[in-house]
N, C-alpha and C. Protein backbone atom coordinates (compact mmCIF):
# COMPACT_ATOMS: atom_id res chain seq x y z
N MET A 1 0.83 -1.17 0.00
CA MET A 1 0.00 0.00 0.00
C MET A 1 0.88 1.24 0.00
N GLU A 2 0.62 2.17 -0.90
CA GLU A 2 1.39 3.41 -0.93
C GLU A 2 0.78 4.43 0.00
N ASP A 3 1.65 5.23 0.61
CA ASP A 3 1.21 6.27 1.52
C ASP A 3 2.23 7.39 1.53
N CYS A 4 1.90 8.46 2.20
CA CYS A 4 2.77 9.62 2.29
C CYS A 4 3.18 9.82 3.75
N VAL A 5 4.44 10.16 3.99
CA VAL A 5 4.93 10.39 5.35
C VAL A 5 4.40 11.74 5.84
N THR A 6 3.86 11.77 7.05
CA THR A 6 3.33 13.01 7.63
C THR A 6 4.49 13.91 8.06
N PRO A 7 4.19 15.19 8.34
CA PRO A 7 5.24 16.09 8.85
C PRO A 7 5.85 15.61 10.17
N GLN A 8 5.11 14.77 10.91
CA GLN A 8 5.62 14.22 12.18
C GLN A 8 6.45 12.96 11.97
N GLY A 9 6.63 12.54 10.74
CA GLY A 9 7.43 11.35 10.46
C GLY A 9 6.68 10.05 10.67
N LEU A 10 5.37 10.06 10.42
CA LEU A 10 4.55 8.88 10.61
C LEU A 10 3.90 8.44 9.31
N VAL A 11 3.60 7.14 9.24
CA VAL A 11 2.90 6.57 8.10
C VAL A 11 1.69 5.83 8.64
N ALA A 12 0.51 6.11 8.06
CA ALA A 12 -0.72 5.45 8.49
C ALA A 12 -0.87 4.12 7.76
N PHE A 13 -1.31 3.10 8.52
CA PHE A 13 -1.55 1.79 7.92
C PHE A 13 -2.58 1.06 8.76
N ARG A 14 -3.74 0.77 8.19
CA ARG A 14 -4.81 0.01 8.83
C ARG A 14 -5.17 0.52 10.22
N GLY A 15 -5.33 1.84 10.33
CA GLY A 15 -5.77 2.43 11.58
C GLY A 15 -4.69 2.66 12.61
N ASN A 16 -3.44 2.52 12.23
CA ASN A 16 -2.32 2.74 13.14
C ASN A 16 -1.31 3.67 12.47
N HIS A 17 -0.38 4.20 13.26
CA HIS A 17 0.67 5.06 12.73
C HIS A 17 2.03 4.47 13.11
N TYR A 18 2.92 4.42 12.14
CA TYR A 18 4.25 3.85 12.33
C TYR A 18 5.29 4.90 11.97
N SER A 19 6.37 4.96 12.72
CA SER A 19 7.39 5.98 12.52
C SER A 19 8.41 5.58 11.45
N VAL A 20 8.99 6.61 10.85
CA VAL A 20 10.09 6.44 9.90
C VAL A 20 11.21 7.39 10.33
N PRO A 21 12.42 7.22 9.81
CA PRO A 21 13.51 8.11 10.20
C PRO A 21 13.20 9.58 9.88
N PRO A 22 13.84 10.51 10.59
CA PRO A 22 13.61 11.93 10.34
C PRO A 22 14.03 12.34 8.93
N GLY A 23 13.47 13.44 8.47
CA GLY A 23 13.86 14.00 7.18
C GLY A 23 13.07 13.48 6.00
N LEU A 24 11.95 12.80 6.23
CA LEU A 24 11.18 12.23 5.12
C LEU A 24 9.76 12.76 4.97
N PRO A 25 9.39 13.88 5.60
CA PRO A 25 8.01 14.36 5.45
C PRO A 25 7.64 14.54 3.98
N GLY A 26 6.46 14.05 3.63
CA GLY A 26 5.97 14.18 2.26
C GLY A 26 6.44 13.09 1.31
N ALA A 27 7.38 12.27 1.74
CA ALA A 27 7.90 11.21 0.87
C ALA A 27 6.84 10.14 0.63
N GLN A 28 6.80 9.61 -0.59
CA GLN A 28 5.92 8.49 -0.91
C GLN A 28 6.62 7.21 -0.47
N VAL A 29 5.93 6.40 0.29
CA VAL A 29 6.48 5.13 0.77
C VAL A 29 5.48 4.02 0.52
N THR A 30 5.97 2.80 0.61
CA THR A 30 5.12 1.62 0.47
C THR A 30 5.22 0.80 1.74
N VAL A 31 4.06 0.41 2.26
CA VAL A 31 3.99 -0.44 3.45
C VAL A 31 3.66 -1.85 2.99
N THR A 32 4.48 -2.81 3.40
CA THR A 32 4.23 -4.20 3.03
C THR A 32 4.28 -5.10 4.26
N MET A 33 3.54 -6.17 4.18
CA MET A 33 3.61 -7.20 5.22
C MET A 33 3.38 -8.54 4.54
N ARG A 34 3.96 -9.55 5.09
CA ARG A 34 3.81 -10.89 4.53
C ARG A 34 2.81 -11.67 5.36
N LEU A 35 2.01 -12.44 4.68
CA LEU A 35 1.01 -13.26 5.34
C LEU A 35 1.68 -14.15 6.39
N GLY A 36 1.15 -14.14 7.58
CA GLY A 36 1.67 -14.97 8.64
C GLY A 36 2.77 -14.34 9.47
N GLU A 37 3.27 -13.17 9.06
CA GLU A 37 4.30 -12.48 9.83
C GLU A 37 3.65 -11.42 10.71
N ASP A 38 4.28 -11.10 11.83
CA ASP A 38 3.73 -10.08 12.72
C ASP A 38 4.47 -8.76 12.61
N SER A 39 5.19 -8.56 11.52
CA SER A 39 5.89 -7.29 11.31
C SER A 39 5.54 -6.72 9.94
N LEU A 40 5.81 -5.43 9.78
CA LEU A 40 5.62 -4.79 8.49
C LEU A 40 6.87 -4.00 8.15
N ARG A 41 7.02 -3.71 6.87
CA ARG A 41 8.18 -2.96 6.39
C ARG A 41 7.70 -1.73 5.65
N ILE A 42 8.43 -0.65 5.81
CA ILE A 42 8.15 0.60 5.11
C ILE A 42 9.35 0.87 4.21
N ALA A 43 9.07 1.06 2.91
CA ALA A 43 10.14 1.23 1.94
C ALA A 43 9.91 2.49 1.11
N THR A 44 10.99 3.07 0.61
CA THR A 44 10.92 4.23 -0.26
C THR A 44 10.47 3.80 -1.65
N ALA A 45 10.24 4.79 -2.51
CA ALA A 45 9.86 4.50 -3.90
C ALA A 45 10.95 3.70 -4.60
N GLY A 46 12.20 3.88 -4.16
CA GLY A 46 13.32 3.13 -4.72
C GLY A 46 13.49 1.75 -4.10
N ARG A 47 12.53 1.35 -3.27
CA ARG A 47 12.48 0.03 -2.62
C ARG A 47 13.47 -0.18 -1.48
N ALA A 48 14.08 0.90 -0.99
CA ALA A 48 14.97 0.78 0.17
C ALA A 48 14.11 0.71 1.43
N VAL A 49 14.29 -0.33 2.23
CA VAL A 49 13.52 -0.47 3.48
C VAL A 49 14.09 0.52 4.48
N ILE A 50 13.22 1.42 4.98
CA ILE A 50 13.66 2.46 5.90
C ILE A 50 13.17 2.22 7.33
N ALA A 51 12.20 1.33 7.49
CA ALA A 51 11.69 1.01 8.83
C ALA A 51 11.03 -0.35 8.83
N GLN A 52 11.08 -0.99 9.99
CA GLN A 52 10.39 -2.26 10.20
C GLN A 52 9.80 -2.21 11.60
N HIS A 53 8.53 -2.57 11.73
CA HIS A 53 7.83 -2.49 13.01
C HIS A 53 7.03 -3.76 13.26
N HIS A 54 6.83 -4.04 14.56
CA HIS A 54 5.87 -5.06 14.96
C HIS A 54 4.50 -4.52 14.58
N ARG A 55 3.67 -5.30 13.95
CA ARG A 55 2.35 -4.84 13.52
C ARG A 55 1.36 -4.87 14.67
N ALA A 56 0.74 -3.72 14.92
CA ALA A 56 -0.29 -3.62 15.94
C ALA A 56 -1.62 -4.11 15.35
N PRO A 57 -2.56 -4.53 16.19
CA PRO A 57 -3.88 -4.93 15.67
C PRO A 57 -4.52 -3.76 14.92
N ASP A 58 -5.26 -4.04 13.86
CA ASP A 58 -5.91 -3.01 13.07
C ASP A 58 -6.72 -2.09 13.98
N GLY A 59 -6.55 -0.78 13.79
CA GLY A 59 -7.32 0.22 14.52
C GLY A 59 -6.86 0.49 15.94
N ALA A 60 -5.73 -0.05 16.35
CA ALA A 60 -5.23 0.16 17.71
C ALA A 60 -4.74 1.58 17.94
N GLY A 61 -4.47 2.31 16.85
CA GLY A 61 -4.02 3.69 16.98
C GLY A 61 -2.55 3.77 16.92
């Protein structure tokens, strides 16, 4: 899923917000997760993974 980094350095995904490194506000990123895994990855348009997080339940905030 493609999304845009907020000015606070966050990316929204399924009702939650996940952080990315500083300096990326407005950047287009892709959030991916693999079936059966409990983590997700956030990557730049160039496919460089910039963050990986434990996935919170949908809508947990």
